[in-house]
Amino acid sequence: MKTFDISTKTTEQKTPILRDDRRAVMRLELKAGEALPSHASPGPLSLLVFRGELEFSDDETKQKALLQPGQGILLEKKSLHSVRALKDTTCFVNALFA
């Protein structure tokens, strides 16, 4: 068992929680207006917003979702996506390797 805490402030944009041959789990911290350009996860991905407000874009289907605390997104395949923080945002990201 491994415990972790994403509630404390950090200056790092990406903080690894766990990485092995099956998955990458991280904390993602974006300041208001900051974005991550289009990229693909290695496999299925889940993202949960802990605080703030995030615009998530599926760049293949052109669908967008506005995510607030307690809301998340699931991607079942390796699809191009991008994110943009509308407010200072902290997220929990879990990417599985295909």
PDB file of N, CA and C in Angstrom:
ATOM      1  N   MET A   1       0.850  -1.168   0.000  1.00  0.00           N
ATOM      2  CA  MET A   1       0.000   0.000   0.000  1.00  0.00           C
ATOM      3  C   MET A   1       0.894   1.228   0.000  1.00  0.00           C
ATOM      4  N   LYS A   2       0.468   2.240  -0.784  1.00  0.00           N
ATOM      5  CA  LYS A   2       1.205   3.493  -0.836  1.00  0.00           C
ATOM      6  C   LYS A   2       0.212   4.632  -0.688  1.00  0.00           C
ATOM      7  N   THR A   3       0.448   5.532   0.241  1.00  0.00           N
ATOM      8  CA  THR A   3      -0.425   6.684   0.402  1.00  0.00           C
ATOM      9  C   THR A   3       0.231   7.899  -0.257  1.00  0.00           C
ATOM     10  N   PHE A   4      -0.583   8.872  -0.641  1.00  0.00           N
ATOM     11  CA  PHE A   4      -0.077  10.112  -1.212  1.00  0.00           C
ATOM     12  C   PHE A   4      -1.065  11.219  -0.908  1.00  0.00           C
ATOM     13  N   ASP A   5      -0.597  12.463  -1.060  1.00  0.00           N
ATOM     14  CA  ASP A   5      -1.409  13.626  -0.725  1.00  0.00           C
ATOM     15  C   ASP A   5      -1.256  14.664  -1.828  1.00  0.00           C
ATOM     16  N   ILE A   6      -2.345  14.993  -2.523  1.00  0.00           N
ATOM     17  CA  ILE A   6      -2.267  16.029  -3.554  1.00  0.00           C
ATOM     18  C   ILE A   6      -2.854  17.347  -3.072  1.00  0.00           C
ATOM     19  N   SER A   7      -3.163  17.454  -1.794  1.00  0.00           N
ATOM     20  CA  SER A   7      -3.802  18.660  -1.279  1.00  0.00           C
ATOM     21  C   SER A   7      -2.809  19.758  -0.909  1.00  0.00           C
ATOM     22  N   THR A   8      -1.535  19.423  -0.747  1.00  0.00           N
ATOM     23  CA  THR A   8      -0.546  20.427  -0.373  1.00  0.00           C
ATOM     24  C   THR A   8      -0.017  21.158  -1.606  1.00  0.00           C
ATOM     25  N   LYS A   9       0.329  22.422  -1.438  1.00  0.00           N
ATOM     26  CA  LYS A   9       0.849  23.239  -2.540  1.00  0.00           C
ATOM     27  C   LYS A   9       2.211  22.730  -2.989  1.00  0.00           C
ATOM     28  N   THR A  10       2.501  22.940  -4.273  1.00  0.00           N
ATOM     29  CA  THR A  10       3.802  22.602  -4.833  1.00  0.00           C
ATOM     30  C   THR A  10       4.139  23.606  -5.915  1.00  0.00           C
ATOM     31  N   THR A  11       5.409  23.726  -6.235  1.00  0.00           N
ATOM     32  CA  THR A  11       5.823  24.598  -7.333  1.00  0.00           C
ATOM     33  C   THR A  11       6.062  23.797  -8.608  1.00  0.00           C
ATOM     34  N   GLU A  12       5.984  22.496  -8.524  1.00  0.00           N
ATOM     35  CA  GLU A  12       6.197  21.622  -9.682  1.00  0.00           C
ATOM     36  C   GLU A  12       4.931  21.503 -10.519  1.00  0.00           C
ATOM     37  N   GLN A  13       5.067  21.553 -11.852  1.00  0.00           N
ATOM     38  CA  GLN A  13       3.892  21.377 -12.708  1.00  0.00           C
ATOM     39  C   GLN A  13       3.452  19.914 -12.696  1.00  0.00           C
ATOM     40  N   LYS A  14       4.401  19.000 -12.815  1.00  0.00           N
ATOM     41  CA  LYS A  14       4.092  17.567 -12.794  1.00  0.00           C
ATOM     42  C   LYS A  14       4.876  16.926 -11.660  1.00  0.00           C
ATOM     43  N   THR A  15       4.143  16.284 -10.750  1.00  0.00           N
ATOM     44  CA  THR A  15       4.772  15.595  -9.634  1.00  0.00           C
ATOM     45  C   THR A  15       4.451  14.116  -9.739  1.00  0.00           C
ATOM     46  N   PRO A  16       5.449  13.275 -10.025  1.00  0.00           N
ATOM     47  CA  PRO A  16       5.188  11.842 -10.107  1.00  0.00           C
ATOM     48  C   PRO A  16       4.760  11.267  -8.768  1.00  0.00           C
ATOM     49  N   ILE A  17       3.766  10.426  -8.808  1.00  0.00           N
ATOM     50  CA  ILE A  17       3.332   9.697  -7.616  1.00  0.00           C
ATOM     51  C   ILE A  17       3.792   8.254  -7.740  1.00  0.00           C
ATOM     52  N   LEU A  18       3.639   7.700  -8.933  1.00  0.00           N
ATOM     53  CA  LEU A  18       4.043   6.320  -9.203  1.00  0.00           C
ATOM     54  C   LEU A  18       4.296   6.167 -10.692  1.00  0.00           C
ATOM     55  N   ARG A  19       5.344   5.459 -11.034  1.00  0.00           N
ATOM     56  CA  ARG A  19       5.595   5.113 -12.426  1.00  0.00           C
ATOM     57  C   ARG A  19       6.227   3.731 -12.435  1.00  0.00           C
ATOM     58  N   ASP A  20       5.620   2.843 -13.197  1.00  0.00           N
ATOM     59  CA  ASP A  20       6.195   1.521 -13.372  1.00  0.00           C
ATOM     60  C   ASP A  20       5.934   1.096 -14.817  1.00  0.00           C
ATOM     61  N   ASP A  21       6.102  -0.190 -15.121  1.00  0.00           N
ATOM     62  CA  ASP A  21       5.938  -0.630 -16.510  1.00  0.00           C
ATOM     63  C   ASP A  21       4.481  -0.708 -16.957  1.00  0.00           C
ATOM     64  N   ARG A  22       3.526  -0.484 -16.039  1.00  0.00           N
ATOM     65  CA  ARG A  22       2.099  -0.565 -16.382  1.00  0.00           C
ATOM     66  C   ARG A  22       1.380   0.764 -16.362  1.00  0.00           C
ATOM     67  N   ARG A  23       1.908   1.758 -15.627  1.00  0.00           N
ATOM     68  CA  ARG A  23       1.155   3.008 -15.472  1.00  0.00           C
ATOM     69  C   ARG A  23       2.048   4.158 -15.009  1.00  0.00           C
ATOM     70  N   ALA A  24       1.514   5.351 -15.210  1.00  0.00           N
ATOM     71  CA  ALA A  24       2.123   6.574 -14.677  1.00  0.00           C
ATOM     72  C   ALA A  24       1.019   7.323 -13.948  1.00  0.00           C
ATOM     73  N   VAL A  25       1.250   7.608 -12.672  1.00  0.00           N
ATOM     74  CA  VAL A  25       0.291   8.344 -11.851  1.00  0.00           C
ATOM     75  C   VAL A  25       0.990   9.628 -11.420  1.00  0.00           C
ATOM     76  N   MET A  26       0.321  10.770 -11.622  1.00  0.00           N
ATOM     77  CA  MET A  26       0.959  12.027 -11.271  1.00  0.00           C
ATOM     78  C   MET A  26      -0.038  13.079 -10.818  1.00  0.00           C
ATOM     79  N   ARG A  27       0.509  14.063 -10.178  1.00  0.00           N
ATOM     80  CA  ARG A  27      -0.230  15.271  -9.826  1.00  0.00           C
ATOM     81  C   ARG A  27       0.136  16.298 -10.891  1.00  0.00           C
ATOM     82  N   LEU A  28      -0.871  16.964 -11.438  1.00  0.00           N
ATOM     83  CA  LEU A  28      -0.665  17.991 -12.447  1.00  0.00           C
ATOM     84  C   LEU A  28      -1.148  19.315 -11.879  1.00  0.00           C
ATOM     85  N   GLU A  29      -0.271  20.301 -11.894  1.00  0.00           N
ATOM     86  CA  GLU A  29      -0.558  21.615 -11.323  1.00  0.00           C
ATOM     87  C   GLU A  29      -0.409  22.658 -12.430  1.00  0.00           C
ATOM     88  N   LEU A  30      -1.503  23.366 -12.759  1.00  0.00           N
ATOM     89  CA  LEU A  30      -1.468  24.397 -13.797  1.00  0.00           C
ATOM     90  C   LEU A  30      -1.976  25.719 -13.240  1.00  0.00           C
ATOM     91  N   LYS A  31      -1.302  26.790 -13.573  1.00  0.00           N
ATOM     92  CA  LYS A  31      -1.759  28.122 -13.185  1.00  0.00           C
ATOM     93  C   LYS A  31      -2.806  28.600 -14.186  1.00  0.00           C
ATOM     94  N   ALA A  32      -3.672  29.511 -13.772  1.00  0.00           N
ATOM     95  CA  ALA A  32      -4.717  30.051 -14.652  1.00  0.00           C
ATOM     96  C   ALA A  32      -4.085  30.527 -15.961  1.00  0.00           C
ATOM     97  N   GLY A  33      -4.671  30.096 -17.085  1.00  0.00           N
ATOM     98  CA  GLY A  33      -4.177  30.461 -18.401  1.00  0.00           C
ATOM     99  C   GLY A  33      -3.116  29.528 -18.955  1.00  0.00           C
ATOM    100  N   GLU A  34      -2.527  28.697 -18.113  1.00  0.00           N
ATOM    101  CA  GLU A  34      -1.496  27.765 -18.554  1.00  0.00           C
ATOM    102  C   GLU A  34      -2.137  26.582 -19.280  1.00  0.00           C
ATOM    103  N   ALA A  35      -1.437  26.056 -20.285  1.00  0.00           N
ATOM    104  CA  ALA A  35      -1.986  24.955 -21.079  1.00  0.00           C
ATOM    105  C   ALA A  35      -0.910  23.918 -21.367  1.00  0.00           C
ATOM    106  N   LEU A  36      -1.354  22.707 -21.637  1.00  0.00           N
ATOM    107  CA  LEU A  36      -0.485  21.663 -22.165  1.00  0.00           C
ATOM    108  C   LEU A  36      -0.933  21.424 -23.596  1.00  0.00           C
ATOM    109  N   PRO A  37      -0.025  21.515 -24.562  1.00  0.00           N
ATOM    110  CA  PRO A  37      -0.416  21.342 -25.966  1.00  0.00           C
ATOM    111  C   PRO A  37      -0.863  19.911 -26.257  1.00  0.00           C
ATOM    112  N   SER A  38      -1.393  19.732 -27.427  1.00  0.00           N
ATOM    113  CA  SER A  38      -1.907  18.439 -27.856  1.00  0.00           C
ATOM    114  C   SER A  38      -0.851  17.342 -27.690  1.00  0.00           C
ATOM    115  N   HIS A  39      -1.255  16.256 -27.056  1.00  0.00           N
ATOM    116  CA  HIS A  39      -0.381  15.109 -26.832  1.00  0.00           C
ATOM    117  C   HIS A  39      -1.261  13.869 -26.651  1.00  0.00           C
ATOM    118  N   ALA A  40      -0.654  12.704 -26.698  1.00  0.00           N
ATOM    119  CA  ALA A  40      -1.392  11.451 -26.504  1.00  0.00           C
ATOM    120  C   ALA A  40      -0.843  10.727 -25.286  1.00  0.00           C
ATOM    121  N   SER A  41      -1.725  10.120 -24.531  1.00  0.00           N
ATOM    122  CA  SER A  41      -1.289   9.303 -23.401  1.00  0.00           C
ATOM    123  C   SER A  41      -0.848   7.948 -23.953  1.00  0.00           C
ATOM    124  N   PRO A  42      -0.082   7.191 -23.184  1.00  0.00           N
ATOM    125  CA  PRO A  42       0.389   5.890 -23.662  1.00  0.00           C
ATOM    126  C   PRO A  42      -0.715   4.837 -23.774  1.00  0.00           C
ATOM    127  N   GLY A  43      -1.850   5.089 -23.182  1.00  0.00           N
ATOM    128  CA  GLY A  43      -2.981   4.157 -23.201  1.00  0.00           C
ATOM    129  C   GLY A  43      -4.172   4.835 -22.575  1.00  0.00           C
ATOM    130  N   PRO A  44      -5.109   4.075 -22.015  1.00  0.00           N
ATOM    131  CA  PRO A  44      -6.264   4.686 -21.349  1.00  0.00           C
ATOM    132  C   PRO A  44      -5.815   5.660 -20.260  1.00  0.00           C
ATOM    133  N   LEU A  45      -6.593   6.715 -20.078  1.00  0.00           N
ATOM    134  CA  LEU A  45      -6.226   7.781 -19.159  1.00  0.00           C
ATOM    135  C   LEU A  45      -7.425   8.207 -18.340  1.00  0.00           C
ATOM    136  N   SER A  46      -7.189   8.512 -17.076  1.00  0.00           N
ATOM    137  CA  SER A  46      -8.213   9.154 -16.254  1.00  0.00           C
ATOM    138  C   SER A  46      -7.595  10.400 -15.623  1.00  0.00           C
ATOM    139  N   LEU A  47      -8.410  11.436 -15.516  1.00  0.00           N
ATOM    140  CA  LEU A  47      -7.984  12.702 -14.935  1.00  0.00           C
ATOM    141  C   LEU A  47      -9.095  13.181 -14.029  1.00  0.00           C
ATOM    142  N   LEU A  48      -8.745  13.592 -12.815  1.00  0.00           N
ATOM    143  CA  LEU A  48      -9.710  14.094 -11.844  1.00  0.00           C
ATOM    144  C   LEU A  48      -9.245  15.455 -11.357  1.00  0.00           C
ATOM    145  N   VAL A  49     -10.128  16.447 -11.424  1.00  0.00           N
ATOM    146  CA  VAL A  49      -9.798  17.784 -10.943  1.00  0.00           C
ATOM    147  C   VAL A  49     -10.014  17.832  -9.436  1.00  0.00           C
ATOM    148  N   PHE A  50      -8.977  18.220  -8.721  1.00  0.00           N
ATOM    149  CA  PHE A  50      -9.029  18.329  -7.261  1.00  0.00           C
ATOM    150  C   PHE A  50      -9.439  19.744  -6.847  1.00  0.00           C
ATOM    151  N   ARG A  51      -8.869  20.757  -7.528  1.00  0.00           N
ATOM    152  CA  ARG A  51      -9.243  22.146  -7.289  1.00  0.00           C
ATOM    153  C   ARG A  51      -9.051  22.931  -8.582  1.00  0.00           C
ATOM    154  N   GLY A  52      -9.786  24.040  -8.727  1.00  0.00           N
ATOM    155  CA  GLY A  52      -9.644  24.888  -9.900  1.00  0.00           C
ATOM    156  C   GLY A  52     -10.691  24.609 -10.962  1.00  0.00           C
ATOM    157  N   GLU A  53     -10.325  24.890 -12.201  1.00  0.00           N
ATOM    158  CA  GLU A  53     -11.238  24.699 -13.330  1.00  0.00           C
ATOM    159  C   GLU A  53     -10.389  24.445 -14.569  1.00  0.00           C
ATOM    160  N   LEU A  54     -10.697  23.389 -15.298  1.00  0.00           N
ATOM    161  CA  LEU A  54      -9.877  22.932 -16.415  1.00  0.00           C
ATOM    162  C   LEU A  54     -10.733  22.699 -17.646  1.00  0.00           C
ATOM    163  N   GLU A  55     -10.257  23.168 -18.785  1.00  0.00           N
ATOM    164  CA  GLU A  55     -10.900  22.834 -20.058  1.00  0.00           C
ATOM    165  C   GLU A  55     -10.104  21.687 -20.671  1.00  0.00           C
ATOM    166  N   PHE A  56     -10.752  20.563 -20.875  1.00  0.00           N
ATOM    167  CA  PHE A  56     -10.140  19.375 -21.462  1.00  0.00           C
ATOM    168  C   PHE A  56     -10.645  19.252 -22.888  1.00  0.00           C
ATOM    169  N   SER A  57      -9.739  19.095 -23.851  1.00  0.00           N
ATOM    170  CA  SER A  57     -10.117  18.986 -25.261  1.00  0.00           C
ATOM    171  C   SER A  57      -9.653  17.653 -25.825  1.00  0.00           C
ATOM    172  N   ASP A  58     -10.586  16.910 -26.416  1.00  0.00           N
ATOM    173  CA  ASP A  58     -10.237  15.723 -27.192  1.00  0.00           C
ATOM    174  C   ASP A  58      -9.962  16.258 -28.596  1.00  0.00           C
ATOM    175  N   ASP A  59      -8.702  16.331 -28.968  1.00  0.00           N
ATOM    176  CA  ASP A  59      -8.319  16.987 -30.212  1.00  0.00           C
ATOM    177  C   ASP A  59      -8.656  16.176 -31.453  1.00  0.00           C
ATOM    178  N   GLU A  60      -9.007  14.908 -31.289  1.00  0.00           N
ATOM    179  CA  GLU A  60      -9.418  14.087 -32.436  1.00  0.00           C
ATOM    180  C   GLU A  60     -10.896  14.265 -32.733  1.00  0.00           C
ATOM    181  N   THR A  61     -11.731  14.257 -31.702  1.00  0.00           N
ATOM    182  CA  THR A  61     -13.181  14.382 -31.900  1.00  0.00           C
ATOM    183  C   THR A  61     -13.653  15.830 -31.823  1.00  0.00           C
ATOM    184  N   LYS A  62     -12.740  16.725 -31.399  1.00  0.00           N
ATOM    185  CA  LYS A  62     -13.053  18.158 -31.213  1.00  0.00           C
ATOM    186  C   LYS A  62     -14.041  18.397 -30.069  1.00  0.00           C
ATOM    187  N   GLN A  63     -14.239  17.410 -29.192  1.00  0.00           N
ATOM    188  CA  GLN A  63     -15.105  17.586 -28.024  1.00  0.00           C
ATOM    189  C   GLN A  63     -14.320  18.285 -26.920  1.00  0.00           C
ATOM    190  N   LYS A  64     -15.025  19.125 -26.165  1.00  0.00           N
ATOM    191  CA  LYS A  64     -14.417  19.815 -25.031  1.00  0.00           C
ATOM    192  C   LYS A  64     -15.270  19.579 -23.795  1.00  0.00           C
ATOM    193  N   ALA A  65     -14.611  19.573 -22.643  1.00  0.00           N
ATOM    194  CA  ALA A  65     -15.320  19.420 -21.376  1.00  0.00           C
ATOM    195  C   ALA A  65     -14.742  20.424 -20.389  1.00  0.00           C
ATOM    196  N   LEU A  66     -15.625  21.099 -19.675  1.00  0.00           N
ATOM    197  CA  LEU A  66     -15.219  22.001 -18.606  1.00  0.00           C
ATOM    198  C   LEU A  66     -15.309  21.215 -17.312  1.00  0.00           C
ATOM    199  N   LEU A  67     -14.175  21.056 -16.632  1.00  0.00           N
ATOM    200  CA  LEU A  67     -14.103  20.227 -15.432  1.00  0.00           C
ATOM    201  C   LEU A  67     -13.830  21.081 -14.209  1.00  0.00           C
ATOM    202  N   GLN A  68     -14.610  20.853 -13.159  1.00  0.00           N
ATOM    203  CA  GLN A  68     -14.472  21.549 -11.890  1.00  0.00           C
ATOM    204  C   GLN A  68     -14.139  20.529 -10.810  1.00  0.00           C
ATOM    205  N   PRO A  69     -13.829  20.968  -9.592  1.00  0.00           N
ATOM    206  CA  PRO A  69     -13.443  20.016  -8.546  1.00  0.00           C
ATOM    207  C   PRO A  69     -14.444  18.866  -8.386  1.00  0.00           C
ATOM    208  N   GLY A  70     -13.879  17.670  -8.323  1.00  0.00           N
ATOM    209  CA  GLY A  70     -14.698  16.473  -8.187  1.00  0.00           C
ATOM    210  C   GLY A  70     -15.109  15.881  -9.521  1.00  0.00           C
ATOM    211  N   GLN A  71     -14.820  16.559 -10.622  1.00  0.00           N
ATOM    212  CA  GLN A  71     -15.176  16.058 -11.948  1.00  0.00           C
ATOM    213  C   GLN A  71     -13.932  15.550 -12.655  1.00  0.00           C
ATOM    214  N   GLY A  72     -14.135  14.599 -13.551  1.00  0.00           N
ATOM    215  CA  GLY A  72     -13.008  14.012 -14.253  1.00  0.00           C
ATOM    216  C   GLY A  72     -13.362  13.587 -15.660  1.00  0.00           C
ATOM    217  N   ILE A  73     -12.399  12.976 -16.284  1.00  0.00           N
ATOM    218  CA  ILE A  73     -12.551  12.514 -17.667  1.00  0.00           C
ATOM    219  C   ILE A  73     -11.896  11.141 -17.789  1.00  0.00           C
ATOM    220  N   LEU A  74     -12.467  10.297 -18.615  1.00  0.00           N
ATOM    221  CA  LEU A  74     -11.893   8.988 -18.931  1.00  0.00           C
ATOM    222  C   LEU A  74     -11.684   8.906 -20.431  1.00  0.00           C
ATOM    223  N   LEU A  75     -10.498   8.537 -20.858  1.00  0.00           N
ATOM    224  CA  LEU A  75     -10.208   8.279 -22.267  1.00  0.00           C
ATOM    225  C   LEU A  75      -9.852   6.805 -22.374  1.00  0.00           C
ATOM    226  N   GLU A  76     -10.527   6.099 -23.234  1.00  0.00           N
ATOM    227  CA  GLU A  76     -10.317   4.655 -23.343  1.00  0.00           C
ATOM    228  C   GLU A  76      -9.213   4.265 -24.316  1.00  0.00           C
ATOM    229  N   LYS A  77      -8.750   5.213 -25.128  1.00  0.00           N
ATOM    230  CA  LYS A  77      -7.722   4.870 -26.107  1.00  0.00           C
ATOM    231  C   LYS A  77      -6.671   5.968 -26.148  1.00  0.00           C
ATOM    232  N   LYS A  78      -5.634   5.712 -26.898  1.00  0.00           N
ATOM    233  CA  LYS A  78      -4.591   6.721 -27.094  1.00  0.00           C
ATOM    234  C   LYS A  78      -5.130   7.787 -28.024  1.00  0.00           C
ATOM    235  N   SER A  79      -5.681   8.840 -27.489  1.00  0.00           N
ATOM    236  CA  SER A  79      -6.190   9.900 -28.351  1.00  0.00           C
ATOM    237  C   SER A  79      -5.493  11.214 -28.021  1.00  0.00           C
ATOM    238  N   LEU A  80      -5.327  12.029 -29.033  1.00  0.00           N
ATOM    239  CA  LEU A  80      -4.713  13.340 -28.834  1.00  0.00           C
ATOM    240  C   LEU A  80      -5.640  14.206 -28.001  1.00  0.00           C
ATOM    241  N   HIS A  81      -5.069  14.862 -27.010  1.00  0.00           N
ATOM    242  CA  HIS A  81      -5.856  15.732 -26.151  1.00  0.00           C
ATOM    243  C   HIS A  81      -4.979  16.872 -25.653  1.00  0.00           C
ATOM    244  N   SER A  82      -5.622  17.928 -25.183  1.00  0.00           N
ATOM    245  CA  SER A  82      -4.919  19.073 -24.607  1.00  0.00           C
ATOM    246  C   SER A  82      -5.740  19.601 -23.446  1.00  0.00           C
ATOM    247  N   VAL A  83      -5.099  20.369 -22.581  1.00  0.00           N
ATOM    248  CA  VAL A  83      -5.794  20.938 -21.430  1.00  0.00           C
ATOM    249  C   VAL A  83      -5.391  22.400 -21.273  1.00  0.00           C
ATOM    250  N   ARG A  84      -6.303  23.173 -20.685  1.00  0.00           N
ATOM    251  CA  ARG A  84      -6.041  24.584 -20.394  1.00  0.00           C
ATOM    252  C   ARG A  84      -6.711  24.914 -19.072  1.00  0.00           C
ATOM    253  N   ALA A  85      -5.946  25.496 -18.163  1.00  0.00           N
ATOM    254  CA  ALA A  85      -6.479  25.869 -16.854  1.00  0.00           C
ATOM    255  C   ALA A  85      -7.178  27.218 -16.951  1.00  0.00           C
ATOM    256  N   LEU A  86      -8.421  27.274 -16.507  1.00  0.00           N
ATOM    257  CA  LEU A  86      -9.158  28.529 -16.464  1.00  0.00           C
ATOM    258  C   LEU A  86      -8.929  29.234 -15.128  1.00  0.00           C
ATOM    259  N   LYS A  87      -8.601  28.454 -14.108  1.00  0.00           N
ATOM    260  CA  LYS A  87      -8.215  28.933 -12.781  1.00  0.00           C
ATOM    261  C   LYS A  87      -7.004  28.116 -12.369  1.00  0.00           C
ATOM    262  N   ASP A  88      -6.308  28.524 -11.311  1.00  0.00           N
ATOM    263  CA  ASP A  88      -5.239  27.682 -10.790  1.00  0.00           C
ATOM    264  C   ASP A  88      -5.837  26.310 -10.488  1.00  0.00           C
ATOM    265  N   THR A  89      -5.228  25.260 -11.035  1.00  0.00           N
ATOM    266  CA  THR A  89      -5.845  23.933 -11.019  1.00  0.00           C
ATOM    267  C   THR A  89      -4.868  22.850 -10.567  1.00  0.00           C
ATOM    268  N   THR A  90      -5.363  21.928  -9.766  1.00  0.00           N
ATOM    269  CA  THR A  90      -4.634  20.733  -9.375  1.00  0.00           C
ATOM    270  C   THR A  90      -5.431  19.520  -9.831  1.00  0.00           C
ATOM    271  N   CYS A  91      -4.760  18.606 -10.527  1.00  0.00           N
ATOM    272  CA  CYS A  91      -5.407  17.390 -11.050  1.00  0.00           C
ATOM    273  C   CYS A  91      -4.636  16.154 -10.621  1.00  0.00           C
ATOM    274  N   PHE A  92      -5.333  15.042 -10.610  1.00  0.00           N
ATOM    275  CA  PHE A  92      -4.770  13.717 -10.397  1.00  0.00           C
ATOM    276  C   PHE A  92      -4.898  12.992 -11.733  1.00  0.00           C
ATOM    277  N   VAL A  93      -3.781  12.496 -12.267  1.00  0.00           N
ATOM    278  CA  VAL A  93      -3.771  11.851 -13.588  1.00  0.00           C
ATOM    279  C   VAL A  93      -3.261  10.416 -13.439  1.00  0.00           C
ATOM    280  N   ASN A  94      -3.952   9.488 -14.081  1.00  0.00           N
ATOM    281  CA  ASN A  94      -3.566   8.084 -14.095  1.00  0.00           C
ATOM    282  C   ASN A  94      -3.563   7.626 -15.548  1.00  0.00           C
ATOM    283  N   ALA A  95      -2.391   7.325 -16.091  1.00  0.00           N
ATOM    284  CA  ALA A  95      -2.256   6.878 -17.476  1.00  0.00           C
ATOM    285  C   ALA A  95      -1.758   5.442 -17.480  1.00  0.00           C
ATOM    286  N   LEU A  96      -2.490   4.582 -18.158  1.00  0.00           N
ATOM    287  CA  LEU A  96      -2.077   3.183 -18.302  1.00  0.00           C
ATOM    288  C   LEU A  96      -1.293   3.023 -19.584  1.00  0.00           C
ATOM    289  N   PHE A  97      -0.304   2.148 -19.565  1.00  0.00           N
ATOM    290  CA  PHE A  97       0.473   1.876 -20.768  1.00  0.00           C
ATOM    291  C   PHE A  97      -0.171   0.728 -21.506  1.00  0.00           C
ATOM    292  N   ALA A  98      -0.362   0.906 -22.784  1.00  0.00           N
ATOM    293  CA  ALA A  98      -1.018  -0.126 -23.600  1.00  0.00           C
ATOM    294  C   ALA A  98      -0.043  -1.207 -23.977  1.00  0.00           C
TER     295      ALA A  98
END
